[in-house]
PDB file of N, CA and C in Angstrom:
ATOM      1  N   MET A   1     -42.282 151.381   6.715  1.00  0.00           N
ATOM      2  CA  MET A   1     -43.343 152.347   6.504  1.00  0.00           C
ATOM      3  C   MET A   1     -44.239 151.830   5.381  1.00  0.00           C
ATOM      4  N   ASP A   2     -45.554 151.879   5.607  1.00  0.00           N
ATOM      5  CA  ASP A   2     -46.483 151.363   4.606  1.00  0.00           C
ATOM      6  C   ASP A   2     -47.330 152.461   3.958  1.00  0.00           C
ATOM      7  N   HIS A   3     -46.881 153.712   4.054  1.00  0.00           N
ATOM      8  CA  HIS A   3     -47.536 154.866   3.405  1.00  0.00           C
ATOM      9  C   HIS A   3     -48.983 155.046   3.847  1.00  0.00           C
ATOM     10  N   GLY A   4     -49.265 154.799   5.136  1.00  0.00           N
ATOM     11  CA  GLY A   4     -50.582 155.064   5.692  1.00  0.00           C
ATOM     12  C   GLY A   4     -51.581 153.935   5.559  1.00  0.00           C
ATOM     13  N   THR A   5     -51.137 152.751   5.148  1.00  0.00           N
ATOM     14  CA  THR A   5     -52.054 151.630   5.015  1.00  0.00           C
ATOM     15  C   THR A   5     -52.564 151.166   6.380  1.00  0.00           C
ATOM     16  N   THR A   6     -51.702 151.138   7.385  1.00  0.00           N
ATOM     17  CA  THR A   6     -52.112 150.731   8.728  1.00  0.00           C
ATOM     18  C   THR A   6     -51.940 151.899   9.693  1.00  0.00           C
ATOM     19  N   TRP A   7     -52.666 151.846  10.799  1.00  0.00           N
ATOM     20  CA  TRP A   7     -52.641 152.911  11.798  1.00  0.00           C
ATOM     21  C   TRP A   7     -52.374 152.305  13.168  1.00  0.00           C
ATOM     22  N   SER A   8     -51.685 153.068  14.015  1.00  0.00           N
ATOM     23  CA  SER A   8     -51.509 152.653  15.402  1.00  0.00           C
ATOM     24  C   SER A   8     -52.701 153.165  16.210  1.00  0.00           C
ATOM     25  N   GLU A   9     -52.757 152.765  17.468  1.00  0.00           N
ATOM     26  CA  GLU A   9     -53.791 153.283  18.358  1.00  0.00           C
ATOM     27  C   GLU A   9     -53.560 154.782  18.557  1.00  0.00           C
ATOM     28  N   PRO A  10     -54.621 155.598  18.676  1.00  0.00           N
ATOM     29  CA  PRO A  10     -54.433 157.033  18.920  1.00  0.00           C
ATOM     30  C   PRO A  10     -53.727 157.272  20.253  1.00  0.00           C
ATOM     31  N   LYS A  11     -52.949 158.361  20.320  1.00  0.00           N
ATOM     32  CA  LYS A  11     -52.310 158.723  21.580  1.00  0.00           C
ATOM     33  C   LYS A  11     -52.279 160.236  21.714  1.00  0.00           C
ATOM     34  N   GLU A  12     -52.227 160.690  22.943  1.00  0.00           N
ATOM     35  CA  GLU A  12     -52.180 162.112  23.237  1.00  0.00           C
ATOM     36  C   GLU A  12     -50.827 162.671  22.811  1.00  0.00           C
ATOM     37  N   LEU A  13     -50.823 163.698  21.977  1.00  0.00           N
ATOM     38  CA  LEU A  13     -49.563 164.284  21.523  1.00  0.00           C
ATOM     39  C   LEU A  13     -48.995 165.285  22.516  1.00  0.00           C
ATOM     40  N   ILE A  14     -49.855 166.107  23.086  1.00  0.00           N
ATOM     41  CA  ILE A  14     -49.416 167.124  24.036  1.00  0.00           C
ATOM     42  C   ILE A  14     -50.036 166.782  25.389  1.00  0.00           C
ATOM     43  N   ALA A  15     -49.225 166.315  26.320  1.00  0.00           N
ATOM     44  CA  ALA A  15     -49.732 165.887  27.631  1.00  0.00           C
ATOM     45  C   ALA A  15     -50.502 167.012  28.315  1.00  0.00           C
ATOM     46  N   GLY A  16     -51.719 166.688  28.761  1.00  0.00           N
ATOM     47  CA  GLY A  16     -52.520 167.668  29.495  1.00  0.00           C
ATOM     48  C   GLY A  16     -53.169 168.731  28.637  1.00  0.00           C
ATOM     49  N   ASP A  17     -53.126 168.609  27.323  1.00  0.00           N
ATOM     50  CA  ASP A  17     -53.719 169.616  26.437  1.00  0.00           C
ATOM     51  C   ASP A  17     -55.230 169.427  26.407  1.00  0.00           C
ATOM     52  N   HIS A  18     -55.936 170.330  27.022  1.00  0.00           N
ATOM     53  CA  HIS A  18     -57.398 170.280  27.034  1.00  0.00           C
ATOM     54  C   HIS A  18     -57.920 171.496  26.289  1.00  0.00           C
ATOM     55  N   GLY A  19     -58.715 171.282  25.284  1.00  0.00           N
ATOM     56  CA  GLY A  19     -59.283 172.395  24.539  1.00  0.00           C
ATOM     57  C   GLY A  19     -58.810 172.447  23.108  1.00  0.00           C
ATOM     58  N   GLY A  20     -57.794 171.693  22.764  1.00  0.00           N
ATOM     59  CA  GLY A  20     -57.373 171.607  21.370  1.00  0.00           C
ATOM     60  C   GLY A  20     -56.680 172.842  20.840  1.00  0.00           C
ATOM     61  N   ARG A  21     -56.566 172.884  19.548  1.00  0.00           N
ATOM     62  CA  ARG A  21     -55.870 173.967  18.853  1.00  0.00           C
ATOM     63  C   ARG A  21     -56.842 174.729  17.973  1.00  0.00           C
ATOM     64  N   GLY A  22     -56.532 176.014  17.768  1.00  0.00           N
ATOM     65  CA  GLY A  22     -57.352 176.835  16.889  1.00  0.00           C
ATOM     66  C   GLY A  22     -57.066 176.532  15.436  1.00  0.00           C
ATOM     67  N   PRO A  23     -57.808 177.174  14.528  1.00  0.00           N
ATOM     68  CA  PRO A  23     -57.561 176.941  13.110  1.00  0.00           C
ATOM     69  C   PRO A  23     -56.127 177.318  12.752  1.00  0.00           C
ATOM     70  N   VAL A  24     -55.499 176.481  11.981  1.00  0.00           N
ATOM     71  CA  VAL A  24     -54.109 176.708  11.587  1.00  0.00           C
ATOM     72  C   VAL A  24     -54.065 176.913  10.086  1.00  0.00           C
ATOM     73  N   LYS A  25     -53.608 178.083   9.660  1.00  0.00           N
ATOM     74  CA  LYS A  25     -53.546 178.353   8.222  1.00  0.00           C
ATOM     75  C   LYS A  25     -52.140 178.177   7.657  1.00  0.00           C
ATOM     76  N   ASN A  26     -51.156 178.111   8.543  1.00  0.00           N
ATOM     77  CA  ASN A  26     -49.776 178.006   8.076  1.00  0.00           C
ATOM     78  C   ASN A  26     -49.264 176.582   8.176  1.00  0.00           C
ATOM     79  N   LYS A  27     -48.375 176.216   7.279  1.00  0.00           N
ATOM     80  CA  LYS A  27     -47.791 174.877   7.269  1.00  0.00           C
ATOM     81  C   LYS A  27     -46.666 174.779   8.289  1.00  0.00           C
ATOM     82  N   ASN A  28     -46.305 173.546   8.613  1.00  0.00           N
ATOM     83  CA  ASN A  28     -45.160 173.311   9.497  1.00  0.00           C
ATOM     84  C   ASN A  28     -43.895 173.914   8.891  1.00  0.00           C
ATOM     85  N   ILE A  29     -42.985 174.303   9.761  1.00  0.00           N
ATOM     86  CA  ILE A  29     -41.661 174.755   9.353  1.00  0.00           C
ATOM     87  C   ILE A  29     -40.698 173.630   9.715  1.00  0.00           C
ATOM     88  N   VAL A  30     -39.867 173.210   8.778  1.00  0.00           N
ATOM     89  CA  VAL A  30     -38.885 172.161   9.040  1.00  0.00           C
ATOM     90  C   VAL A  30     -37.504 172.808   9.058  1.00  0.00           C
ATOM     91  N   LEU A  31     -36.827 172.726  10.202  1.00  0.00           N
ATOM     92  CA  LEU A  31     -35.495 173.313  10.352  1.00  0.00           C
ATOM     93  C   LEU A  31     -34.431 172.408   9.738  1.00  0.00           C
ATOM     94  N   ALA A  32     -33.248 172.944   9.535  1.00  0.00           N
ATOM     95  CA  ALA A  32     -32.153 172.206   8.905  1.00  0.00           C
ATOM     96  C   ALA A  32     -31.804 170.915   9.656  1.00  0.00           C
ATOM     97  N   ASP A  33     -32.004 170.897  10.988  1.00  0.00           N
ATOM     98  CA  ASP A  33     -31.681 169.686  11.758  1.00  0.00           C
ATOM     99  C   ASP A  33     -32.833 168.679  11.795  1.00  0.00           C
ATOM    100  N   GLY A  34     -33.924 168.956  11.066  1.00  0.00           N
ATOM    101  CA  GLY A  34     -35.063 168.046  11.008  1.00  0.00           C
ATOM    102  C   GLY A  34     -36.160 168.364  12.008  1.00  0.00           C
ATOM    103  N   THR A  35     -35.936 169.315  12.906  1.00  0.00           N
ATOM    104  CA  THR A  35     -36.955 169.706  13.880  1.00  0.00           C
ATOM    105  C   THR A  35     -38.162 170.302  13.166  1.00  0.00           C
ATOM    106  N   TRP A  36     -39.357 169.920  13.613  1.00  0.00           N
ATOM    107  CA  TRP A  36     -40.592 170.482  13.069  1.00  0.00           C
ATOM    108  C   TRP A  36     -41.140 171.520  14.032  1.00  0.00           C
ATOM    109  N   LEU A  37     -41.585 172.649  13.491  1.00  0.00           N
ATOM    110  CA  LEU A  37     -42.303 173.677  14.242  1.00  0.00           C
ATOM    111  C   LEU A  37     -43.705 173.747  13.644  1.00  0.00           C
ATOM    112  N   ALA A  38     -44.720 173.472  14.443  1.00  0.00           N
ATOM    113  CA  ALA A  38     -46.108 173.465  13.972  1.00  0.00           C
ATOM    114  C   ALA A  38     -46.860 174.633  14.604  1.00  0.00           C
ATOM    115  N   PRO A  39     -47.279 175.610  13.796  1.00  0.00           N
ATOM    116  CA  PRO A  39     -47.983 176.760  14.350  1.00  0.00           C
ATOM    117  C   PRO A  39     -49.343 176.362  14.924  1.00  0.00           C
ATOM    118  N   ALA A  40     -49.728 177.017  15.996  1.00  0.00           N
ATOM    119  CA  ALA A  40     -51.022 176.772  16.623  1.00  0.00           C
ATOM    120  C   ALA A  40     -51.452 178.041  17.354  1.00  0.00           C
ATOM    121  N   SER A  41     -52.700 178.068  17.773  1.00  0.00           N
ATOM    122  CA  SER A  41     -53.178 179.227  18.513  1.00  0.00           C
ATOM    123  C   SER A  41     -54.363 178.843  19.382  1.00  0.00           C
ATOM    124  N   LEU A  42     -54.603 179.652  20.381  1.00  0.00           N
ATOM    125  CA  LEU A  42     -55.760 179.527  21.263  1.00  0.00           C
ATOM    126  C   LEU A  42     -56.368 180.909  21.410  1.00  0.00           C
ATOM    127  N   GLU A  43     -57.690 180.960  21.514  1.00  0.00           N
ATOM    128  CA  GLU A  43     -58.358 182.228  21.762  1.00  0.00           C
ATOM    129  C   GLU A  43     -59.330 182.010  22.904  1.00  0.00           C
ATOM    130  N   GLY A  44     -59.318 182.921  23.854  1.00  0.00           N
ATOM    131  CA  GLY A  44     -60.225 182.777  24.984  1.00  0.00           C
ATOM    132  C   GLY A  44     -60.043 183.907  25.958  1.00  0.00           C
ATOM    133  N   PRO A  45     -60.722 183.804  27.101  1.00  0.00           N
ATOM    134  CA  PRO A  45     -60.610 184.870  28.088  1.00  0.00           C
ATOM    135  C   PRO A  45     -59.196 184.974  28.656  1.00  0.00           C
ATOM    136  N   LYS A  46     -58.790 186.192  28.880  1.00  0.00           N
ATOM    137  CA  LYS A  46     -57.487 186.427  29.502  1.00  0.00           C
ATOM    138  C   LYS A  46     -57.561 185.929  30.948  1.00  0.00           C
ATOM    139  N   PRO A  47     -56.546 185.174  31.405  1.00  0.00           N
ATOM    140  CA  PRO A  47     -56.589 184.687  32.789  1.00  0.00           C
ATOM    141  C   PRO A  47     -56.827 185.835  33.769  1.00  0.00           C
ATOM    142  N   GLY A  48     -57.825 185.675  34.627  1.00  0.00           N
ATOM    143  CA  GLY A  48     -58.133 186.688  35.634  1.00  0.00           C
ATOM    144  C   GLY A  48     -58.934 187.871  35.121  1.00  0.00           C
ATOM    145  N   GLY A  49     -59.350 187.828  33.869  1.00  0.00           N
ATOM    146  CA  GLY A  49     -60.101 188.957  33.326  1.00  0.00           C
ATOM    147  C   GLY A  49     -61.178 188.511  32.364  1.00  0.00           C
ATOM    148  N   LYS A  50     -61.923 189.480  31.862  1.00  0.00           N
ATOM    149  CA  LYS A  50     -63.017 189.171  30.948  1.00  0.00           C
ATOM    150  C   LYS A  50     -62.640 189.402  29.491  1.00  0.00           C
ATOM    151  N   ARG A  51     -61.558 190.122  29.265  1.00  0.00           N
ATOM    152  CA  ARG A  51     -61.138 190.409  27.892  1.00  0.00           C
ATOM    153  C   ARG A  51     -60.622 189.149  27.221  1.00  0.00           C
ATOM    154  N   ARG A  52     -60.983 188.949  25.954  1.00  0.00           N
ATOM    155  CA  ARG A  52     -60.513 187.780  25.204  1.00  0.00           C
ATOM    156  C   ARG A  52     -59.154 188.097  24.582  1.00  0.00           C
ATOM    157  N   VAL A  53     -58.310 187.087  24.539  1.00  0.00           N
ATOM    158  CA  VAL A  53     -56.976 187.251  23.954  1.00  0.00           C
ATOM    159  C   VAL A  53     -56.700 186.114  22.979  1.00  0.00           C
ATOM    160  N   TRP A  54     -55.827 186.379  22.025  1.00  0.00           N
ATOM    161  CA  TRP A  54     -55.382 185.387  21.056  1.00  0.00           C
ATOM    162  C   TRP A  54     -53.932 185.087  21.372  1.00  0.00           C
ATOM    163  N   ARG A  55     -53.614 183.814  21.572  1.00  0.00           N
ATOM    164  CA  ARG A  55     -52.245 183.409  21.905  1.00  0.00           C
ATOM    165  C   ARG A  55     -51.714 182.492  20.814  1.00  0.00           C
ATOM    166  N   ALA A  56     -50.681 182.946  20.122  1.00  0.00           N
ATOM    167  CA  ALA A  56     -50.043 182.145  19.072  1.00  0.00           C
ATOM    168  C   ALA A  56     -48.796 181.476  19.648  1.00  0.00           C
ATOM    169  N   PHE A  57     -48.529 180.248  19.203  1.00  0.00           N
ATOM    170  CA  PHE A  57     -47.367 179.513  19.679  1.00  0.00           C
ATOM    171  C   PHE A  57     -47.025 178.427  18.669  1.00  0.00           C
ATOM    172  N   VAL A  58     -45.959 177.691  18.909  1.00  0.00           N
ATOM    173  CA  VAL A  58     -45.623 176.551  18.054  1.00  0.00           C
ATOM    174  C   VAL A  58     -45.456 175.304  18.918  1.00  0.00           C
ATOM    175  N   ASP A  59     -45.875 174.179  18.374  1.00  0.00           N
ATOM    176  CA  ASP A  59     -45.543 172.890  18.955  1.00  0.00           C
ATOM    177  C   ASP A  59     -44.250 172.447  18.286  1.00  0.00           C
ATOM    178  N   ILE A  60     -43.345 171.829  19.046  1.00  0.00           N
ATOM    179  CA  ILE A  60     -42.038 171.440  18.540  1.00  0.00           C
ATOM    180  C   ILE A  60     -41.899 169.918  18.576  1.00  0.00           C
ATOM    181  N   SER A  61     -41.409 169.337  17.479  1.00  0.00           N
ATOM    182  CA  SER A  61     -41.134 167.905  17.438  1.00  0.00           C
ATOM    183  C   SER A  61     -39.731 167.695  16.890  1.00  0.00           C
ATOM    184  N   HIS A  62     -38.936 166.938  17.632  1.00  0.00           N
ATOM    185  CA  HIS A  62     -37.579 166.622  17.182  1.00  0.00           C
ATOM    186  C   HIS A  62     -37.519 165.282  16.456  1.00  0.00           C
ATOM    187  N   ASP A  63     -38.659 164.562  16.406  1.00  0.00           N
ATOM    188  CA  ASP A  63     -38.674 163.250  15.753  1.00  0.00           C
ATOM    189  C   ASP A  63     -39.849 163.101  14.772  1.00  0.00           C
ATOM    190  N   GLN A  64     -40.206 164.167  14.126  1.00  0.00           N
ATOM    191  CA  GLN A  64     -41.267 164.196  13.111  1.00  0.00           C
ATOM    192  C   GLN A  64     -42.594 163.666  13.662  1.00  0.00           C
ATOM    193  N   VAL A  65     -42.922 164.095  14.867  1.00  0.00           N
ATOM    194  CA  VAL A  65     -44.197 163.864  15.550  1.00  0.00           C
ATOM    195  C   VAL A  65     -44.403 162.433  16.026  1.00  0.00           C
ATOM    196  N   ARG A  66     -43.355 161.648  16.069  1.00  0.00           N
ATOM    197  CA  ARG A  66     -43.498 160.354  16.732  1.00  0.00           C
ATOM    198  C   ARG A  66     -43.689 160.570  18.217  1.00  0.00           C
ATOM    199  N   GLU A  67     -43.140 161.681  18.724  1.00  0.00           N
ATOM    200  CA  GLU A  67     -43.365 162.075  20.118  1.00  0.00           C
ATOM    201  C   GLU A  67     -43.252 163.583  20.193  1.00  0.00           C
ATOM    202  N   ALA A  68     -44.296 164.259  20.625  1.00  0.00           N
ATOM    203  CA  ALA A  68     -44.295 165.723  20.698  1.00  0.00           C
ATOM    204  C   ALA A  68     -43.768 166.175  22.049  1.00  0.00           C
ATOM    205  N   VAL A  69     -43.186 167.386  22.080  1.00  0.00           N
ATOM    206  CA  VAL A  69     -42.718 167.971  23.328  1.00  0.00           C
ATOM    207  C   VAL A  69     -43.463 169.261  23.590  1.00  0.00           C
TER     208      VAL A  69
END
């Protein structure tokens, strides 16, 4: 590890994720087994309707974001 001196090529973290993530105000949660939980949210029209909804969720990484699930 070189503390951020070099970078790899960019890669998609969440397969098929189109539209990105909403503003995140909370930090990652690190569980005792090393799993990371990263809060995220999306806001948009409710599927099949015109009302807008806010959907909160977490992205989970078991290897500190070397590969997201």
